[in-house]
Amino acid sequence: MTADSKHLKPTLLILAAGVGSRYGGLKQMDPVGPNNELIIDYSIYDAIKAGFGKVVFVIRDSFEQAFKEKIGNSYEKYVATAYAYQEMDSCIRDFRIPAERQQPWGTGHGILVAKDVINEPFAVINADDFYGPETFKLMAESLTSAENSGNQYYMAGFLLRNTLSEYGSVSRAIGKVNKKMFLEKMTEYARIEKRGSQIVSFDAQGREQKFTGDEIVSMNFWGFRPSIFGFLQTQFADFLRVHAGAPKSQFFIPAAVDRLIRSGKALVKVLTTTGSWFGVTYRQGKGPGDHSQACQ
């Protein structure tokens, strides 16, 4: 970290380009609060209060106007705002896109497309997840601390039991940490669900794995420095060389972080929270939850 960078206010990067296929529409723009607040409203309110100085929205060209009218424009008087656009051809250079591909390339790609509008430490969140004010406060303090030097990044770690849905299975990246709370590896698990008092996952062959519920998981709340963009550009090119022809392949940030850790190119400190995550994955799960704050 440079002598002055610790005094910069961090930026909040909001991944809002997803199509919400399981939910059935643009879930980022669907009210969930008692006064028609969006989940984004809660996140931006908590971020500004925690000390973030800019918000960058990652969106798609196809809904740019509607997004700005309903969300983006309303925040310009409260905080600096900018946009990045995640399209299938963003940052892919000379690789060819399969004709049958319908979506961009995942969360790692979503972060990469913002490389030209972020020059300061920044946090990354999903537009459709509620993380709680304490998580934003902890992340802002970490990103602006003297400890944030070199290629040390951060991950907000939630307890698995606090991130499950009552309406279907979920996919989660589970982290292994050392005694100093640095991440040692990330492992993706699909089809995690409650079965009575148990939490289980099933792999592609239908084999069952049980969890205690105390495992630390990523909910895509990360803290990075701009150095991450160079790493992601290199990894994304490697990813495309292998997977560009697969129409549903995804370049996910937990896998990218896992490769950085294993290669020794970065350290990732886990900021643990016992708060309950709230997200909109299935339409049945939509609801205000315990949200007591929103932008006014």
Protein backbone atom coordinates (compact mmCIF):
# COMPACT_ATOMS: atom_id res chain seq x y z
CA MET A 1 0.00 0.00 0.00
CA THR A 2 1.33 3.46 -0.81
CA ALA A 3 1.68 6.13 1.86
CA ASP A 4 -1.56 7.82 0.80
CA SER A 5 -3.70 4.89 -0.36
CA LYS A 6 -4.80 3.97 3.16
CA HIS A 7 -6.60 7.35 3.28
CA LEU A 8 -8.63 6.62 0.15
CA LYS A 9 -12.24 5.71 0.67
CA PRO A 10 -12.89 2.23 -0.72
CA THR A 11 -15.25 1.60 -3.62
CA LEU A 12 -18.19 -0.79 -3.63
CA LEU A 13 -18.49 -2.91 -6.80
CA ILE A 14 -22.00 -4.35 -7.18
CA LEU A 15 -22.45 -7.31 -9.52
CA ALA A 16 -25.88 -6.68 -11.03
CA ALA A 17 -25.62 -8.22 -14.50
CA GLY A 18 -27.15 -11.60 -13.67
CA VAL A 19 -30.36 -12.62 -15.38
CA GLY A 20 -31.85 -14.35 -12.32
CA SER A 21 -32.79 -17.50 -14.17
CA ARG A 22 -33.85 -19.49 -11.08
CA TYR A 23 -35.79 -16.53 -9.72
CA GLY A 24 -37.61 -15.74 -12.93
CA GLY A 25 -36.63 -12.20 -13.85
CA LEU A 26 -34.42 -9.25 -12.94
CA LYS A 27 -34.41 -9.92 -9.22
CA GLN A 28 -32.08 -6.96 -8.59
CA MET A 29 -34.97 -4.60 -9.34
CA ASP A 30 -37.70 -6.36 -7.35
CA PRO A 31 -38.78 -4.74 -4.03
CA VAL A 32 -38.29 -6.76 -0.85
CA GLY A 33 -38.64 -4.19 1.95
CA PRO A 34 -41.73 -2.88 3.76
CA ASN A 35 -41.54 0.40 1.82
CA ASN A 36 -40.64 -1.19 -1.52
CA GLU A 37 -36.89 -1.07 -0.81
CA LEU A 38 -34.61 -3.14 -2.99
CA ILE A 39 -31.83 -5.30 -1.57
CA ILE A 40 -29.41 -2.92 -3.32
CA ASP A 41 -30.89 -0.06 -1.26
CA TYR A 42 -29.89 -1.76 1.99
CA SER A 43 -26.41 -2.58 0.70
CA ILE A 44 -25.63 0.94 -0.54
CA TYR A 45 -26.98 2.53 2.64
CA ASP A 46 -24.82 0.27 4.79
CA ALA A 47 -21.78 0.83 2.56
CA ILE A 48 -22.00 4.64 2.66
CA LYS A 49 -22.46 4.56 6.42
CA ALA A 50 -19.40 2.30 6.72
CA GLY A 51 -17.22 4.75 4.76
CA PHE A 52 -17.31 3.65 1.13
CA GLY A 53 -16.86 6.60 -1.21
CA LYS A 54 -17.96 5.31 -4.61
CA VAL A 55 -20.33 2.74 -6.05
CA VAL A 56 -19.71 0.94 -9.35
CA PHE A 57 -22.59 -1.03 -10.87
CA VAL A 58 -21.82 -3.93 -13.20
CA ILE A 59 -24.83 -4.24 -15.51
CA ARG A 60 -25.86 -5.31 -19.02
CA ASP A 61 -26.53 -3.01 -21.97
CA SER A 62 -29.95 -4.61 -22.40
CA PHE A 63 -31.36 -3.14 -19.19
CA GLU A 64 -29.12 -0.09 -18.72
CA GLN A 65 -31.87 2.50 -19.08
CA ALA A 66 -34.31 0.73 -16.75
CA PHE A 67 -31.58 0.11 -14.18
CA LYS A 68 -30.43 3.72 -14.15
CA GLU A 69 -33.98 5.06 -13.90
CA LYS A 70 -34.97 2.80 -11.03
CA ILE A 71 -31.68 2.47 -9.14
CA GLY A 72 -28.54 4.20 -10.33
CA ASN A 73 -29.76 7.76 -10.83
CA SER A 74 -31.24 7.95 -7.33
CA TYR A 75 -27.82 7.56 -5.71
CA GLU A 76 -25.85 10.16 -7.62
CA LYS A 77 -26.56 12.88 -5.03
CA TYR A 78 -25.39 10.64 -2.17
CA VAL A 79 -22.27 8.97 -3.55
CA ALA A 80 -20.05 8.96 -6.64
CA THR A 81 -21.35 6.38 -9.12
CA ALA A 82 -19.96 4.65 -12.19
CA TYR A 83 -20.90 1.77 -14.48
CA ALA A 84 -19.17 -1.18 -16.06
CA TYR A 85 -20.78 -3.48 -18.61
CA GLN A 86 -20.59 -7.24 -18.55
CA GLU A 87 -21.32 -8.61 -21.99
CA MET A 88 -20.32 -11.93 -23.51
CA ASP A 89 -17.59 -10.24 -25.57
CA SER A 90 -16.17 -8.13 -22.70
CA CYS A 91 -12.43 -8.72 -22.12
CA ILE A 92 -12.33 -11.89 -24.25
CA ARG A 93 -9.82 -10.52 -26.78
CA ASP A 94 -9.55 -12.90 -29.76
CA PHE A 95 -11.49 -15.84 -28.34
CA ARG A 96 -14.63 -16.89 -30.20
CA ILE A 97 -18.01 -17.02 -28.47
CA PRO A 98 -20.10 -20.16 -29.04
CA ALA A 99 -23.25 -19.33 -30.98
CA GLU A 100 -25.41 -21.03 -28.35
CA ARG A 101 -23.97 -19.08 -25.39
CA GLN A 102 -26.57 -16.82 -23.75
CA GLN A 103 -24.84 -15.36 -20.65
CA PRO A 104 -21.54 -13.68 -19.74
CA TRP A 105 -18.79 -15.64 -18.04
CA GLY A 106 -19.48 -15.48 -14.28
CA THR A 107 -18.48 -13.47 -11.23
CA GLY A 108 -14.75 -13.36 -11.95
CA HIS A 109 -15.57 -11.90 -15.36
CA GLY A 110 -17.97 -9.45 -13.71
CA ILE A 111 -15.15 -8.06 -11.58
CA LEU A 112 -12.71 -7.93 -14.49
CA VAL A 113 -14.95 -5.70 -16.64
CA ALA A 114 -14.66 -2.94 -13.99
CA LYS A 115 -10.88 -2.65 -14.33
CA ASP A 116 -11.01 0.74 -16.08
CA VAL A 117 -13.22 2.46 -13.48
CA ILE A 118 -11.58 1.35 -10.20
CA ASN A 119 -8.16 2.54 -9.00
CA GLU A 120 -8.57 2.15 -5.24
CA PRO A 121 -9.22 -0.68 -2.76
CA PHE A 122 -12.70 -2.06 -3.35
CA ALA A 123 -15.27 -4.52 -2.10
CA VAL A 124 -17.38 -6.79 -4.30
CA ILE A 125 -20.94 -7.88 -3.54
CA ASN A 126 -23.88 -9.50 -5.32
CA ALA A 127 -26.77 -7.16 -6.08
CA ASP A 128 -29.32 -9.66 -4.78
CA ASP A 129 -27.71 -10.50 -1.41
CA PHE A 130 -28.13 -8.72 1.94
CA TYR A 131 -25.03 -8.92 4.12
CA GLY A 132 -25.78 -6.66 7.10
CA PRO A 133 -24.22 -3.36 8.25
CA GLU A 134 -21.54 -4.93 10.44
CA THR A 135 -20.10 -6.81 7.47
CA PHE A 136 -19.70 -3.59 5.49
CA LYS A 137 -18.11 -1.85 8.48
CA LEU A 138 -15.62 -4.67 8.97
CA MET A 139 -14.72 -4.73 5.27
CA ALA A 140 -14.27 -0.95 5.04
CA GLU A 141 -11.97 -0.94 8.07
CA SER A 142 -9.91 -3.77 6.62
CA LEU A 143 -9.55 -2.20 3.18
CA THR A 144 -8.30 1.09 4.64
CA SER A 145 -5.99 -0.37 7.28
CA ALA A 146 -2.21 -0.31 7.11
CA GLU A 147 -2.35 -4.10 7.08
CA ASN A 148 -3.82 -4.01 3.57
CA SER A 149 -0.47 -4.11 1.80
CA GLY A 150 0.91 -5.99 -1.16
CA ASN A 151 -1.52 -8.57 -2.49
CA GLN A 152 -3.49 -9.15 0.69
CA TYR A 153 -7.20 -9.42 0.04
CA TYR A 154 -10.26 -10.17 2.17
CA MET A 155 -13.27 -12.45 2.20
CA ALA A 156 -16.34 -11.99 4.37
CA GLY A 157 -16.92 -15.45 5.82
CA PHE A 158 -20.43 -16.56 6.76
CA LEU A 159 -21.40 -19.72 8.61
CA LEU A 160 -22.92 -22.24 6.23
CA ARG A 161 -25.99 -22.74 8.44
CA ASN A 162 -26.81 -19.03 8.08
CA THR A 163 -26.78 -19.08 4.27
CA LEU A 164 -29.22 -21.84 3.35
CA SER A 165 -32.59 -21.48 1.64
CA GLU A 166 -35.86 -22.99 2.80
CA TYR A 167 -37.00 -23.29 -0.83
CA GLY A 168 -34.34 -25.33 -2.56
CA SER A 169 -30.71 -26.32 -2.76
CA VAL A 170 -27.87 -23.81 -3.05
CA SER A 171 -24.27 -23.84 -4.26
CA ARG A 172 -21.61 -22.62 -1.88
CA ALA A 173 -17.83 -22.13 -1.91
CA ILE A 174 -16.53 -23.44 1.42
CA GLY A 175 -13.23 -22.12 2.69
CA LYS A 176 -10.52 -23.78 4.75
CA VAL A 177 -8.68 -21.32 7.02
CA ASN A 178 -5.56 -21.51 9.16
CA LYS A 179 -5.18 -20.41 12.80
CA LYS A 180 -4.53 -16.82 11.73
CA MET A 181 -7.76 -16.79 9.68
CA PHE A 182 -6.05 -16.73 6.32
CA LEU A 183 -7.73 -18.70 3.58
CA GLU A 184 -5.92 -21.88 2.53
CA LYS A 185 -8.29 -23.12 -0.16
CA MET A 186 -11.80 -22.81 -1.58
CA THR A 187 -13.99 -25.73 -2.61
CA GLU A 188 -17.25 -25.39 -4.52
CA TYR A 189 -20.17 -27.60 -3.48
CA ALA A 190 -23.43 -27.83 -5.43
CA ARG A 191 -26.86 -28.93 -4.23
CA ILE A 192 -26.41 -28.11 -0.53
CA GLU A 193 -29.71 -28.40 1.32
CA LYS A 194 -31.35 -29.09 4.63
CA ARG A 195 -32.58 -32.63 5.25
CA GLY A 196 -34.36 -32.47 8.59
CA SER A 197 -31.71 -31.57 11.15
CA GLN A 198 -28.88 -32.35 8.72
CA ILE A 199 -27.10 -30.29 6.06
CA VAL A 200 -26.02 -32.34 3.07
CA SER A 201 -24.64 -31.95 -0.43
CA PHE A 202 -24.82 -34.25 -3.44
CA ASP A 203 -22.20 -34.47 -6.17
CA ALA A 204 -22.83 -35.24 -9.84
CA GLN A 205 -22.89 -38.97 -9.08
CA GLY A 206 -25.45 -38.51 -6.30
CA ARG A 207 -22.96 -39.17 -3.50
CA GLU A 208 -23.85 -37.52 -0.21
CA GLN A 209 -21.60 -35.35 1.96
CA LYS A 210 -22.64 -34.07 5.38
CA PHE A 211 -21.77 -30.71 6.93
CA THR A 212 -21.88 -29.40 10.49
CA GLY A 213 -23.19 -25.98 9.47
CA ASP A 214 -20.20 -24.22 11.05
CA GLU A 215 -18.18 -24.26 7.83
CA ILE A 216 -17.07 -20.85 6.56
CA VAL A 217 -18.53 -19.99 3.18
CA SER A 218 -18.14 -17.19 0.67
CA MET A 219 -21.24 -15.24 -0.29
CA ASN A 220 -19.24 -13.24 -2.85
CA PHE A 221 -18.39 -10.39 -0.48
CA TRP A 222 -14.72 -9.82 -1.24
CA GLY A 223 -12.20 -7.08 -0.57
CA PHE A 224 -9.54 -6.45 -3.23
CA ARG A 225 -6.90 -4.01 -4.40
CA PRO A 226 -6.56 -3.06 -8.09
CA SER A 227 -3.79 -5.64 -8.42
CA ILE A 228 -6.54 -8.27 -8.66
CA PHE A 229 -7.39 -7.12 -12.20
CA GLY A 230 -4.07 -8.26 -13.65
CA PHE A 231 -4.43 -11.64 -11.99
CA LEU A 232 -7.98 -12.04 -13.27
CA GLN A 233 -7.06 -11.04 -16.82
CA THR A 234 -4.37 -13.73 -16.92
CA GLN A 235 -6.62 -16.37 -15.37
CA PHE A 236 -9.54 -15.47 -17.61
CA ALA A 237 -7.40 -15.94 -20.71
CA ASP A 238 -6.31 -19.35 -19.38
CA PHE A 239 -9.94 -20.18 -18.64
CA LEU A 240 -11.04 -19.28 -22.17
CA ARG A 241 -8.33 -21.40 -23.76
CA VAL A 242 -9.89 -24.43 -22.09
CA HIS A 243 -13.58 -23.53 -21.78
CA ALA A 244 -14.41 -20.94 -24.45
CA GLY A 245 -16.26 -23.54 -26.49
CA ALA A 246 -18.48 -24.65 -23.59
CA PRO A 247 -21.70 -22.60 -23.76
CA LYS A 248 -22.40 -22.75 -20.01
CA SER A 249 -18.86 -22.49 -18.59
CA GLN A 250 -18.40 -19.94 -15.77
CA PHE A 251 -15.32 -18.10 -14.50
CA PHE A 252 -16.15 -17.87 -10.79
CA ILE A 253 -14.25 -15.67 -8.36
CA PRO A 254 -13.84 -18.30 -5.58
CA ALA A 255 -12.00 -20.58 -8.02
CA ALA A 256 -9.82 -17.68 -9.18
CA VAL A 257 -8.99 -16.76 -5.57
CA ASP A 258 -8.22 -20.40 -4.79
CA ARG A 259 -5.66 -20.47 -7.62
CA LEU A 260 -4.03 -17.26 -6.35
CA ILE A 261 -3.72 -18.70 -2.85
CA ARG A 262 -2.32 -22.02 -4.01
CA SER A 263 0.22 -20.30 -6.25
CA GLY A 264 1.37 -18.00 -3.42
CA LYS A 265 0.49 -14.85 -5.37
CA ALA A 266 -1.95 -13.50 -2.78
CA LEU A 267 -3.06 -13.79 0.82
CA VAL A 268 -6.76 -13.70 1.68
CA LYS A 269 -7.80 -12.94 5.24
CA VAL A 270 -11.24 -14.14 6.29
CA LEU A 271 -13.43 -11.63 8.13
CA THR A 272 -15.88 -13.82 9.99
CA THR A 273 -19.44 -12.81 10.70
CA THR A 274 -22.14 -14.70 12.57
CA GLY A 275 -24.88 -12.64 10.94
CA SER A 276 -27.53 -14.25 8.78
CA TRP A 277 -27.24 -13.71 5.06
CA PHE A 278 -30.43 -12.91 3.16
CA GLY A 279 -30.65 -13.44 -0.57
CA VAL A 280 -33.18 -13.81 -3.34
CA THR A 281 -32.44 -17.04 -5.18
CA TYR A 282 -35.96 -18.44 -5.43
CA ARG A 283 -39.04 -16.26 -5.80
CA GLN A 284 -40.71 -18.03 -2.85
CA GLY A 285 -37.93 -16.73 -0.62
CA LYS A 286 -38.63 -13.10 -1.41
CA GLY A 287 -39.49 -11.08 1.66
CA PRO A 288 -38.38 -8.16 3.80
CA GLY A 289 -36.62 -10.25 6.44
CA ASP A 290 -35.19 -8.35 9.41
CA HIS A 291 -34.26 -5.19 7.52
CA SER A 292 -34.39 -2.14 9.72
CA GLN A 293 -32.42 0.32 7.58
CA ALA A 294 -32.66 1.61 4.03
CA CYS A 295 -31.70 4.65 2.02
CA GLN A 296 -34.23 7.40 2.41
